[in-house]
C-alpha atoms as a PDB file:
ATOM      1  CA  MET A   1     -77.070 -44.272 102.404  1.00  0.00           C
ATOM      2  CA  SER A   2     -75.935 -47.734 103.462  1.00  0.00           C
ATOM      3  CA  GLN A   3     -72.608 -48.168 105.214  1.00  0.00           C
ATOM      4  CA  PRO A   4     -69.627 -48.970 102.958  1.00  0.00           C
ATOM      5  CA  GLN A   5     -69.046 -52.722 102.556  1.00  0.00           C
ATOM      6  CA  ARG A   6     -65.797 -54.609 102.917  1.00  0.00           C
ATOM      7  CA  LEU A   7     -63.748 -54.932  99.755  1.00  0.00           C
ATOM      8  CA  THR A   8     -64.800 -58.003  97.780  1.00  0.00           C
ATOM      9  CA  PRO A   9     -63.383 -59.222  94.451  1.00  0.00           C
ATOM     10  CA  LEU A  10     -66.393 -57.725  92.676  1.00  0.00           C
ATOM     11  CA  THR A  11     -65.928 -54.347  94.388  1.00  0.00           C
ATOM     12  CA  VAL A  12     -62.225 -54.348  93.522  1.00  0.00           C
ATOM     13  CA  LEU A  13     -63.068 -55.123  89.884  1.00  0.00           C
ATOM     14  CA  LEU A  14     -65.631 -52.316  89.784  1.00  0.00           C
ATOM     15  CA  LEU A  15     -63.047 -49.856  91.109  1.00  0.00           C
ATOM     16  CA  VAL A  16     -60.165 -51.048  88.881  1.00  0.00           C
ATOM     17  CA  VAL A  17     -62.013 -50.909  85.537  1.00  0.00           C
ATOM     18  CA  PRO A  18     -62.618 -47.109  85.624  1.00  0.00           C
ATOM     19  CA  PRO A  19     -58.950 -46.089  86.095  1.00  0.00           C
ATOM     20  CA  LEU A  20     -57.961 -48.543  83.360  1.00  0.00           C
ATOM     21  CA  LEU A  21     -60.428 -47.010  80.908  1.00  0.00           C
ATOM     22  CA  TRP A  22     -59.707 -43.450  82.031  1.00  0.00           C
ATOM     23  CA  ALA A  23     -55.995 -44.005  81.471  1.00  0.00           C
ATOM     24  CA  GLY A  24     -56.866 -45.031  77.924  1.00  0.00           C
ATOM     25  CA  ASN A  25     -59.025 -41.928  77.653  1.00  0.00           C
ATOM     26  CA  ALA A  26     -56.045 -39.724  78.570  1.00  0.00           C
ATOM     27  CA  VAL A  27     -53.783 -41.395  76.028  1.00  0.00           C
ATOM     28  CA  VAL A  28     -56.391 -41.135  73.261  1.00  0.00           C
ATOM     29  CA  GLY A  29     -57.233 -37.542  74.198  1.00  0.00           C
ATOM     30  CA  ARG A  30     -53.574 -36.635  73.808  1.00  0.00           C
ATOM     31  CA  LEU A  31     -53.288 -38.442  70.471  1.00  0.00           C
ATOM     32  CA  VAL A  32     -56.227 -36.579  68.882  1.00  0.00           C
ATOM     33  CA  ARG A  33     -55.520 -33.121  70.294  1.00  0.00           C
ATOM     34  CA  GLU A  34     -54.532 -31.851  66.832  1.00  0.00           C
ATOM     35  CA  LEU A  35     -57.734 -33.190  65.262  1.00  0.00           C
ATOM     36  CA  VAL A  36     -60.434 -31.784  67.544  1.00  0.00           C
ATOM     37  CA  SER A  37     -60.807 -28.999  70.089  1.00  0.00           C
ATOM     38  CA  PRO A  38     -60.989 -30.218  73.714  1.00  0.00           C
ATOM     39  CA  LEU A  39     -64.462 -28.983  74.670  1.00  0.00           C
ATOM     40  CA  THR A  40     -65.868 -30.212  71.365  1.00  0.00           C
ATOM     41  CA  LEU A  41     -64.347 -33.640  72.020  1.00  0.00           C
ATOM     42  CA  ASN A  42     -65.996 -33.705  75.434  1.00  0.00           C
ATOM     43  CA  PHE A  43     -69.383 -32.797  73.930  1.00  0.00           C
ATOM     44  CA  VAL A  44     -69.185 -35.441  71.183  1.00  0.00           C
ATOM     45  CA  ARG A  45     -68.143 -38.036  73.752  1.00  0.00           C
ATOM     46  CA  TRP A  46     -71.278 -37.528  75.801  1.00  0.00           C
ATOM     47  CA  VAL A  47     -73.570 -37.305  72.792  1.00  0.00           C
ATOM     48  CA  ILE A  48     -72.331 -40.800  71.830  1.00  0.00           C
ATOM     49  CA  ALA A  49     -72.950 -42.029  75.377  1.00  0.00           C
ATOM     50  CA  PHE A  50     -76.437 -40.481  75.349  1.00  0.00           C
ATOM     51  CA  VAL A  51     -77.332 -42.265  72.099  1.00  0.00           C
ATOM     52  CA  LEU A  52     -76.008 -45.594  73.411  1.00  0.00           C
ATOM     53  CA  LEU A  53     -78.032 -45.337  76.613  1.00  0.00           C
ATOM     54  CA  LEU A  54     -81.242 -44.120  75.018  1.00  0.00           C
ATOM     55  CA  PRO A  55     -82.636 -47.603  74.225  1.00  0.00           C
ATOM     56  CA  LEU A  56     -81.916 -48.709  77.807  1.00  0.00           C
ATOM     57  CA  ALA A  57     -83.126 -45.628  79.668  1.00  0.00           C
ATOM     58  CA  ALA A  58     -85.672 -43.843  77.489  1.00  0.00           C
ATOM     59  CA  PRO A  59     -88.356 -43.868  80.254  1.00  0.00           C
ATOM     60  CA  VAL A  60     -86.171 -41.457  82.250  1.00  0.00           C
ATOM     61  CA  LEU A  61     -87.075 -38.725  79.770  1.00  0.00           C
ATOM     62  CA  ARG A  62     -90.836 -39.108  80.217  1.00  0.00           C
ATOM     63  CA  PRO A  63     -92.719 -36.283  81.984  1.00  0.00           C
ATOM     64  CA  ALA A  64     -93.651 -38.595  84.885  1.00  0.00           C
ATOM     65  CA  SER A  65     -90.039 -39.623  85.503  1.00  0.00           C
ATOM     66  CA  PRO A  66     -88.641 -38.919  89.016  1.00  0.00           C
ATOM     67  CA  LEU A  67     -85.755 -37.172  87.273  1.00  0.00           C
ATOM     68  CA  TRP A  68     -87.717 -33.948  86.914  1.00  0.00           C
ATOM     69  CA  ALA A  69     -88.686 -33.812  90.598  1.00  0.00           C
ATOM     70  CA  HIS A  70     -84.965 -34.007  91.482  1.00  0.00           C
ATOM     71  CA  TRP A  71     -83.610 -32.038  88.538  1.00  0.00           C
ATOM     72  CA  ARG A  72     -81.404 -29.768  90.658  1.00  0.00           C
ATOM     73  CA  ARG A  73     -79.421 -32.723  91.995  1.00  0.00           C
ATOM     74  CA  TYR A  74     -78.885 -34.239  88.550  1.00  0.00           C
ATOM     75  CA  ALA A  75     -78.071 -30.899  87.009  1.00  0.00           C
ATOM     76  CA  LEU A  76     -75.299 -30.540  89.618  1.00  0.00           C
ATOM     77  CA  LEU A  77     -74.031 -34.099  89.096  1.00  0.00           C
ATOM     78  CA  GLY A  78     -74.051 -33.529  85.344  1.00  0.00           C
ATOM     79  CA  LEU A  79     -72.086 -30.314  85.735  1.00  0.00           C
ATOM     80  CA  LEU A  80     -69.434 -31.769  88.071  1.00  0.00           C
ATOM     81  CA  GLY A  81     -68.951 -35.273  86.673  1.00  0.00           C
ATOM     82  CA  ILE A  82     -69.642 -34.758  82.967  1.00  0.00           C
ATOM     83  CA  GLY A  83     -69.371 -31.071  82.156  1.00  0.00           C
ATOM     84  CA  LEU A  84     -66.419 -29.896  84.260  1.00  0.00           C
ATOM     85  CA  TYR A  85     -64.194 -32.864  85.080  1.00  0.00           C
ATOM     86  CA  ASN A  86     -63.889 -34.164  81.536  1.00  0.00           C
ATOM     87  CA  ALA A  87     -63.664 -30.713  79.976  1.00  0.00           C
ATOM     88  CA  PHE A  88     -60.780 -29.841  82.300  1.00  0.00           C
ATOM     89  CA  GLN A  89     -59.044 -33.108  81.466  1.00  0.00           C
ATOM     90  CA  TYR A  90     -59.163 -32.579  77.701  1.00  0.00           C
ATOM     91  CA  LEU A  91     -58.012 -28.997  78.205  1.00  0.00           C
ATOM     92  CA  ALA A  92     -55.131 -30.316  80.323  1.00  0.00           C
ATOM     93  CA  LEU A  93     -54.072 -32.749  77.590  1.00  0.00           C
ATOM     94  CA  GLN A  94     -53.447 -29.840  75.232  1.00  0.00           C
ATOM     95  CA  THR A  95     -50.317 -28.842  77.146  1.00  0.00           C
ATOM     96  CA  SER A  96     -49.515 -31.812  79.378  1.00  0.00           C
ATOM     97  CA  THR A  97     -48.777 -35.504  78.834  1.00  0.00           C
ATOM     98  CA  PRO A  98     -51.178 -38.345  79.720  1.00  0.00           C
ATOM     99  CA  ILE A  99     -48.930 -39.596  82.513  1.00  0.00           C
ATOM    100  CA  ASN A 100     -48.565 -36.130  84.024  1.00  0.00           C
ATOM    101  CA  VAL A 101     -52.305 -35.457  83.770  1.00  0.00           C
ATOM    102  CA  THR A 102     -53.178 -38.750  85.435  1.00  0.00           C
ATOM    103  CA  LEU A 103     -50.545 -38.192  88.091  1.00  0.00           C
ATOM    104  CA  VAL A 104     -52.045 -34.821  88.988  1.00  0.00           C
ATOM    105  CA  GLY A 105     -55.445 -36.504  89.017  1.00  0.00           C
ATOM    106  CA  SER A 106     -54.097 -38.972  91.540  1.00  0.00           C
ATOM    107  CA  SER A 107     -54.204 -36.261  94.181  1.00  0.00           C
ATOM    108  CA  LEU A 108     -57.904 -37.203  94.390  1.00  0.00           C
ATOM    109  CA  PRO A 109     -57.622 -39.083  97.727  1.00  0.00           C
ATOM    110  CA  LEU A 110     -56.348 -35.965  99.473  1.00  0.00           C
ATOM    111  CA  TRP A 111     -59.059 -33.831  97.856  1.00  0.00           C
ATOM    112  CA  MET A 112     -61.605 -36.455  98.898  1.00  0.00           C
ATOM    113  CA  LEU A 113     -60.505 -36.127 102.500  1.00  0.00           C
ATOM    114  CA  ALA A 114     -60.491 -32.313 102.343  1.00  0.00           C
ATOM    115  CA  VAL A 115     -63.885 -31.981 100.616  1.00  0.00           C
ATOM    116  CA  GLY A 116     -65.454 -34.588 102.887  1.00  0.00           C
ATOM    117  CA  SER A 117     -64.167 -32.877 106.005  1.00  0.00           C
ATOM    118  CA  LEU A 118     -65.017 -29.300 104.980  1.00  0.00           C
ATOM    119  CA  PHE A 119     -68.355 -29.774 103.227  1.00  0.00           C
ATOM    120  CA  PHE A 120     -69.832 -33.143 104.222  1.00  0.00           C
ATOM    121  CA  GLY A 121     -68.920 -33.435 107.903  1.00  0.00           C
ATOM    122  CA  ALA A 122     -66.851 -36.590 107.356  1.00  0.00           C
ATOM    123  CA  ARG A 123     -63.996 -36.966 109.817  1.00  0.00           C
ATOM    124  CA  PRO A 124     -61.312 -39.125 108.151  1.00  0.00           C
ATOM    125  CA  HIS A 125     -59.866 -41.879 110.304  1.00  0.00           C
ATOM    126  CA  GLY A 126     -56.150 -42.407 110.645  1.00  0.00           C
ATOM    127  CA  ARG A 127     -56.066 -45.363 108.251  1.00  0.00           C
ATOM    128  CA  ALA A 128     -57.717 -43.318 105.488  1.00  0.00           C
ATOM    129  CA  ILE A 129     -55.105 -40.593 105.877  1.00  0.00           C
ATOM    130  CA  GLY A 130     -52.280 -43.126 106.055  1.00  0.00           C
ATOM    131  CA  GLY A 131     -53.543 -44.976 102.983  1.00  0.00           C
ATOM    132  CA  ALA A 132     -53.861 -41.742 101.006  1.00  0.00           C
ATOM    133  CA  LEU A 133     -50.339 -40.658 101.920  1.00  0.00           C
ATOM    134  CA  LEU A 134     -48.906 -44.082 101.109  1.00  0.00           C
ATOM    135  CA  SER A 135     -50.525 -44.045  97.691  1.00  0.00           C
ATOM    136  CA  MET A 136     -49.323 -40.499  97.076  1.00  0.00           C
ATOM    137  CA  LEU A 137     -45.768 -41.697  97.735  1.00  0.00           C
ATOM    138  CA  GLY A 138     -46.250 -44.112  94.855  1.00  0.00           C
ATOM    139  CA  VAL A 139     -47.435 -41.271  92.633  1.00  0.00           C
ATOM    140  CA  LEU A 140     -44.443 -39.124  93.580  1.00  0.00           C
ATOM    141  CA  LEU A 141     -42.114 -42.047  92.897  1.00  0.00           C
ATOM    142  CA  VAL A 142     -43.371 -42.201  89.303  1.00  0.00           C
ATOM    143  CA  LEU A 143     -43.312 -38.412  88.971  1.00  0.00           C
ATOM    144  CA  SER A 144     -39.687 -38.310  90.112  1.00  0.00           C
ATOM    145  CA  ARG A 145     -38.717 -41.264  87.892  1.00  0.00           C
ATOM    146  CA  GLY A 146     -37.205 -42.928  90.921  1.00  0.00           C
ATOM    147  CA  GLU A 147     -35.000 -39.942  91.778  1.00  0.00           C
ATOM    148  CA  TRP A 148     -36.536 -37.773  94.497  1.00  0.00           C
ATOM    149  CA  ARG A 149     -34.360 -34.770  93.664  1.00  0.00           C
ATOM    150  CA  GLN A 150     -36.222 -34.550  90.345  1.00  0.00           C
ATOM    151  CA  LEU A 151     -39.225 -33.231  92.298  1.00  0.00           C
ATOM    152  CA  LEU A 152     -37.294 -30.064  93.094  1.00  0.00           C
ATOM    153  CA  ALA A 153     -37.169 -29.252  89.379  1.00  0.00           C
ATOM    154  CA  LEU A 154     -40.868 -29.973  88.782  1.00  0.00           C
ATOM    155  CA  ARG A 155     -42.771 -27.158  87.048  1.00  0.00           C
ATOM    156  CA  LEU A 156     -46.540 -27.171  86.597  1.00  0.00           C
ATOM    157  CA  VAL A 157     -47.850 -26.277  83.142  1.00  0.00           C
ATOM    158  CA  PRO A 158     -51.366 -24.876  82.502  1.00  0.00           C
ATOM    159  CA  GLY A 159     -52.569 -28.420  81.879  1.00  0.00           C
ATOM    160  CA  ASP A 160     -51.618 -29.430  85.413  1.00  0.00           C
ATOM    161  CA  LEU A 161     -53.652 -26.543  86.841  1.00  0.00           C
ATOM    162  CA  TYR A 162     -56.666 -27.508  84.715  1.00  0.00           C
ATOM    163  CA  MET A 163     -56.374 -31.055  86.036  1.00  0.00           C
ATOM    164  CA  ILE A 164     -56.293 -29.869  89.652  1.00  0.00           C
ATOM    165  CA  LEU A 165     -59.579 -28.025  89.083  1.00  0.00           C
ATOM    166  CA  GLY A 166     -61.046 -31.108  87.432  1.00  0.00           C
ATOM    167  CA  THR A 167     -59.962 -33.323  90.312  1.00  0.00           C
ATOM    168  CA  ILE A 168     -61.630 -31.049  92.853  1.00  0.00           C
ATOM    169  CA  ALA A 169     -64.838 -31.191  90.802  1.00  0.00           C
ATOM    170  CA  TRP A 170     -64.618 -34.994  90.774  1.00  0.00           C
ATOM    171  CA  ALA A 171     -64.201 -35.114  94.549  1.00  0.00           C
ATOM    172  CA  PHE A 172     -67.440 -33.147  94.996  1.00  0.00           C
ATOM    173  CA  TYR A 173     -69.141 -35.410  92.460  1.00  0.00           C
ATOM    174  CA  SER A 174     -68.118 -38.580  94.293  1.00  0.00           C
ATOM    175  CA  TRP A 175     -69.244 -37.276  97.686  1.00  0.00           C
ATOM    176  CA  LEU A 176     -72.613 -36.281  96.243  1.00  0.00           C
ATOM    177  CA  LEU A 177     -72.979 -39.804  94.858  1.00  0.00           C
ATOM    178  CA  ALA A 178     -72.339 -41.337  98.243  1.00  0.00           C
ATOM    179  CA  ARG A 179     -74.143 -38.919 100.545  1.00  0.00           C
ATOM    180  CA  THR A 180     -77.542 -38.426  98.917  1.00  0.00           C
ATOM    181  CA  HIS A 181     -80.382 -40.804  98.159  1.00  0.00           C
ATOM    182  CA  GLU A 182     -81.603 -41.606  94.674  1.00  0.00           C
ATOM    183  CA  PRO A 183     -85.274 -42.092  93.755  1.00  0.00           C
ATOM    184  CA  ALA A 184     -85.991 -45.832  93.808  1.00  0.00           C
ATOM    185  CA  ALA A 185     -86.729 -45.977  90.075  1.00  0.00           C
ATOM    186  CA  LEU A 186     -83.281 -44.565  89.285  1.00  0.00           C
ATOM    187  CA  ARG A 187     -81.369 -46.352  92.030  1.00  0.00           C
ATOM    188  CA  ARG A 188     -82.378 -49.787  90.722  1.00  0.00           C
ATOM    189  CA  ASP A 189     -81.262 -49.115  87.138  1.00  0.00           C
ATOM    190  CA  TRP A 190     -77.699 -48.009  86.423  1.00  0.00           C
ATOM    191  CA  ALA A 191     -78.560 -46.926  82.865  1.00  0.00           C
ATOM    192  CA  ALA A 192     -81.411 -44.752  84.118  1.00  0.00           C
ATOM    193  CA  PHE A 193     -79.165 -43.223  86.775  1.00  0.00           C
ATOM    194  CA  LEU A 194     -76.446 -42.347  84.257  1.00  0.00           C
ATOM    195  CA  MET A 195     -79.015 -41.055  81.773  1.00  0.00           C
ATOM    196  CA  ALA A 196     -80.398 -38.749  84.465  1.00  0.00           C
ATOM    197  CA  GLN A 197     -76.954 -37.156  84.680  1.00  0.00           C
ATOM    198  CA  LEU A 198     -76.416 -37.199  80.920  1.00  0.00           C
ATOM    199  CA  VAL A 199     -79.568 -35.201  80.221  1.00  0.00           C
ATOM    200  CA  PHE A 200     -77.967 -32.236  81.955  1.00  0.00           C
ATOM    201  CA  GLY A 201     -74.342 -33.208  81.289  1.00  0.00           C
ATOM    202  CA  VAL A 202     -74.848 -33.073  77.521  1.00  0.00           C
ATOM    203  CA  ALA A 203     -76.473 -29.668  77.925  1.00  0.00           C
ATOM    204  CA  TRP A 204     -73.555 -28.398  80.026  1.00  0.00           C
ATOM    205  CA  SER A 205     -70.887 -29.799  77.697  1.00  0.00           C
ATOM    206  CA  GLY A 206     -72.779 -28.520  74.646  1.00  0.00           C
ATOM    207  CA  THR A 207     -72.884 -25.047  76.152  1.00  0.00           C
ATOM    208  CA  PHE A 208     -69.144 -25.145  76.808  1.00  0.00           C
ATOM    209  CA  ALA A 209     -68.462 -26.405  73.264  1.00  0.00           C
ATOM    210  CA  ALA A 210     -70.598 -23.619  71.784  1.00  0.00           C
ATOM    211  CA  GLY A 211     -68.557 -21.101  73.755  1.00  0.00           C
ATOM    212  CA  GLU A 212     -65.368 -22.712  72.445  1.00  0.00           C
ATOM    213  CA  TRP A 213     -66.497 -22.276  68.832  1.00  0.00           C
ATOM    214  CA  ALA A 214     -67.645 -18.710  69.477  1.00  0.00           C
ATOM    215  CA  LEU A 215     -64.565 -17.528  71.352  1.00  0.00           C
ATOM    216  CA  THR A 216     -61.623 -19.635  70.095  1.00  0.00           C
ATOM    217  CA  PRO A 217     -60.325 -21.058  66.793  1.00  0.00           C
ATOM    218  CA  ALA A 218     -62.049 -24.393  67.375  1.00  0.00           C
ATOM    219  CA  HIS A 219     -61.659 -27.210  64.846  1.00  0.00           C
ATOM    220  CA  LEU A 220     -62.973 -30.689  64.026  1.00  0.00           C
ATOM    221  CA  ASP A 221     -61.037 -32.676  61.405  1.00  0.00           C
ATOM    222  CA  LEU A 222     -63.090 -35.829  60.865  1.00  0.00           C
ATOM    223  CA  GLY A 223     -61.304 -38.973  59.724  1.00  0.00           C
ATOM    224  CA  TRP A 224     -61.250 -42.665  60.532  1.00  0.00           C
ATOM    225  CA  SER A 225     -58.712 -42.234  63.330  1.00  0.00           C
ATOM    226  CA  LEU A 226     -60.807 -39.563  65.048  1.00  0.00           C
ATOM    227  CA  VAL A 227     -64.032 -41.545  64.563  1.00  0.00           C
ATOM    228  CA  ALA A 228     -62.396 -44.600  66.169  1.00  0.00           C
ATOM    229  CA  ALA A 229     -61.091 -42.485  69.058  1.00  0.00           C
ATOM    230  CA  MET A 230     -64.525 -40.959  69.654  1.00  0.00           C
ATOM    231  CA  ALA A 231     -66.142 -44.399  69.590  1.00  0.00           C
ATOM    232  CA  PHE A 232     -63.728 -45.640  72.244  1.00  0.00           C
ATOM    233  CA  ILE A 233     -64.127 -42.701  74.612  1.00  0.00           C
ATOM    234  CA  GLY A 234     -67.901 -42.677  74.130  1.00  0.00           C
ATOM    235  CA  ILE A 235     -68.298 -46.367  75.006  1.00  0.00           C
ATOM    236  CA  GLY A 236     -65.520 -47.285  77.450  1.00  0.00           C
ATOM    237  CA  PRO A 237     -64.461 -44.264  79.544  1.00  0.00           C
ATOM    238  CA  ALA A 238     -67.958 -42.765  79.345  1.00  0.00           C
ATOM    239  CA  VAL A 239     -70.601 -45.478  79.720  1.00  0.00           C
ATOM    240  CA  LEU A 240     -68.752 -48.509  81.101  1.00  0.00           C
ATOM    241  CA  ALA A 241     -66.399 -46.629  83.441  1.00  0.00           C
ATOM    242  CA  TYR A 242     -69.173 -44.497  84.924  1.00  0.00           C
ATOM    243  CA  ARG A 243     -71.290 -47.595  85.468  1.00  0.00           C
ATOM    244  CA  CYS A 244     -68.494 -49.283  87.403  1.00  0.00           C
ATOM    245  CA  TRP A 245     -67.473 -46.146  89.336  1.00  0.00           C
ATOM    246  CA  GLY A 246     -70.972 -45.414  90.576  1.00  0.00           C
ATOM    247  CA  SER A 247     -71.421 -48.971  91.847  1.00  0.00           C
ATOM    248  CA  GLY A 248     -67.936 -49.067  93.341  1.00  0.00           C
ATOM    249  CA  VAL A 249     -68.388 -45.812  95.269  1.00  0.00           C
ATOM    250  CA  GLN A 250     -71.677 -47.029  96.717  1.00  0.00           C
ATOM    251  CA  ARG A 251     -70.101 -50.310  97.796  1.00  0.00           C
ATOM    252  CA  ALA A 252     -66.776 -49.096  99.204  1.00  0.00           C
ATOM    253  CA  GLY A 253     -67.418 -45.443 100.068  1.00  0.00           C
ATOM    254  CA  PRO A 254     -65.799 -42.407  98.456  1.00  0.00           C
ATOM    255  CA  GLN A 255     -62.642 -42.364 100.573  1.00  0.00           C
ATOM    256  CA  VAL A 256     -61.614 -45.929  99.703  1.00  0.00           C
ATOM    257  CA  ALA A 257     -62.768 -45.542  96.094  1.00  0.00           C
ATOM    258  CA  GLY A 258     -60.627 -42.443  95.731  1.00  0.00           C
ATOM    259  CA  ILE A 259     -57.488 -44.461  96.495  1.00  0.00           C
ATOM    260  CA  PHE A 260     -58.147 -46.666  93.462  1.00  0.00           C
ATOM    261  CA  MET A 261     -57.906 -43.628  91.215  1.00  0.00           C
ATOM    262  CA  ASN A 262     -54.153 -43.702  91.851  1.00  0.00           C
ATOM    263  CA  LEU A 263     -53.986 -46.746  89.577  1.00  0.00           C
ATOM    264  CA  THR A 264     -54.730 -44.481  86.610  1.00  0.00           C
ATOM    265  CA  PRO A 265     -51.167 -43.128  86.107  1.00  0.00           C
ATOM    266  CA  LEU A 266     -49.762 -46.641  86.309  1.00  0.00           C
ATOM    267  CA  PHE A 267     -52.128 -47.824  83.615  1.00  0.00           C
ATOM    268  CA  ALA A 268     -51.304 -44.682  81.622  1.00  0.00           C
ATOM    269  CA  ALA A 269     -47.588 -45.469  81.927  1.00  0.00           C
ATOM    270  CA  VAL A 270     -48.128 -48.997  80.628  1.00  0.00           C
ATOM    271  CA  MET A 271     -50.264 -47.769  77.713  1.00  0.00           C
ATOM    272  CA  SER A 272     -47.761 -45.050  76.882  1.00  0.00           C
ATOM    273  CA  ALA A 273     -45.052 -47.697  76.864  1.00  0.00           C
ATOM    274  CA  ALA A 274     -47.105 -49.818  74.485  1.00  0.00           C
ATOM    275  CA  PHE A 275     -47.895 -46.983  72.077  1.00  0.00           C
ATOM    276  CA  LEU A 276     -44.585 -45.119  72.385  1.00  0.00           C
ATOM    277  CA  ARG A 277     -42.409 -48.232  72.843  1.00  0.00           C
ATOM    278  CA  GLU A 278     -41.006 -46.957  76.118  1.00  0.00           C
ATOM    279  CA  ALA A 279     -40.173 -49.841  78.436  1.00  0.00           C
ATOM    280  CA  PRO A 280     -41.478 -49.618  82.037  1.00  0.00           C
ATOM    281  CA  HIS A 281     -38.906 -48.974  84.764  1.00  0.00           C
ATOM    282  CA  TRP A 282     -38.393 -50.406  88.222  1.00  0.00           C
ATOM    283  CA  TYR A 283     -40.093 -47.467  89.872  1.00  0.00           C
ATOM    284  CA  HIS A 284     -43.367 -48.271  88.102  1.00  0.00           C
ATOM    285  CA  GLY A 285     -43.443 -51.607  89.928  1.00  0.00           C
ATOM    286  CA  ALA A 286     -42.449 -49.994  93.231  1.00  0.00           C
ATOM    287  CA  ALA A 287     -45.146 -47.350  92.821  1.00  0.00           C
ATOM    288  CA  PHE A 288     -47.721 -50.054  92.126  1.00  0.00           C
ATOM    289  CA  VAL A 289     -46.803 -51.744  95.424  1.00  0.00           C
ATOM    290  CA  LEU A 290     -47.162 -48.447  97.319  1.00  0.00           C
ATOM    291  CA  ILE A 291     -50.503 -47.607  95.712  1.00  0.00           C
ATOM    292  CA  VAL A 292     -51.979 -51.049  96.330  1.00  0.00           C
ATOM    293  CA  GLY A 293     -50.624 -50.863  99.887  1.00  0.00           C
ATOM    294  CA  GLY A 294     -52.454 -47.582 100.347  1.00  0.00           C
ATOM    295  CA  ILE A 295     -55.672 -49.203  99.168  1.00  0.00           C
ATOM    296  CA  VAL A 296     -55.279 -52.065 101.634  1.00  0.00           C
ATOM    297  CA  VAL A 297     -54.449 -49.775 104.570  1.00  0.00           C
ATOM    298  CA  SER A 298     -57.355 -47.450 103.836  1.00  0.00           C
ATOM    299  CA  ALA A 299     -59.838 -50.305 103.458  1.00  0.00           C
ATOM    300  CA  ARG A 300     -58.929 -52.194 106.662  1.00  0.00           C
ATOM    301  CA  ARG A 301     -61.496 -52.046 109.440  1.00  0.00           C
END
């Protein structure tokens, strides 16, 4: 793996687009929770993404494709990044709000440091730790609504616990992206690389959805609003966001990329304000300054 590059405008754009789209994914997932079961929503999302990518990456499915020689790696990436992370997020949105879910997900930088240190032999430097802590202060500022004593009354709901599990899965996924080599045929083509994960990710998410229908009162109430929501999450948060995230992690490294994930709750707050007509508060701006400051500190060489 090549060494992480310095942050350029293109790298920043690649790392900002995913949290923007994933914030929208959280808001939409919350809006349609009464219309579709969470694991079914995750499965349909990735089926849409699979169909969209098929014209661009059909050769990946051929018997001679390098995918099959490295199937264990892509089966693991598909499980962590497609099967588990997104399933946990939609489960979390059943009992928790989009802002709370994205805030819990913003613990990613700390999980990145922990997973990297324990499983990948990566010793975090002081600036990475300082940047992560600075960004977490911004997250806590939003969580406390600008009043720190509110944190003492914070109670985690089941959705928050689901999101913690999903965030840990995403940390492993990101480290695997950065620390292992791709076959040349897949490395050169982003669509082929994502399709290699989708082949197994759709299988994982389909298995989980089948279990949901067999073991729970699952439901799917099709209508124009649900169709529109599925189209959005299948195109933006699925295909486009994963394209940008994969490139951004390779350019900046997983530790720096993880800091950008803290932009997700800020975007979620803005979107919630737009849809729920709740005006942003001063602490949203202050949190944005802290989170961006954490990114800058972590990225300095």
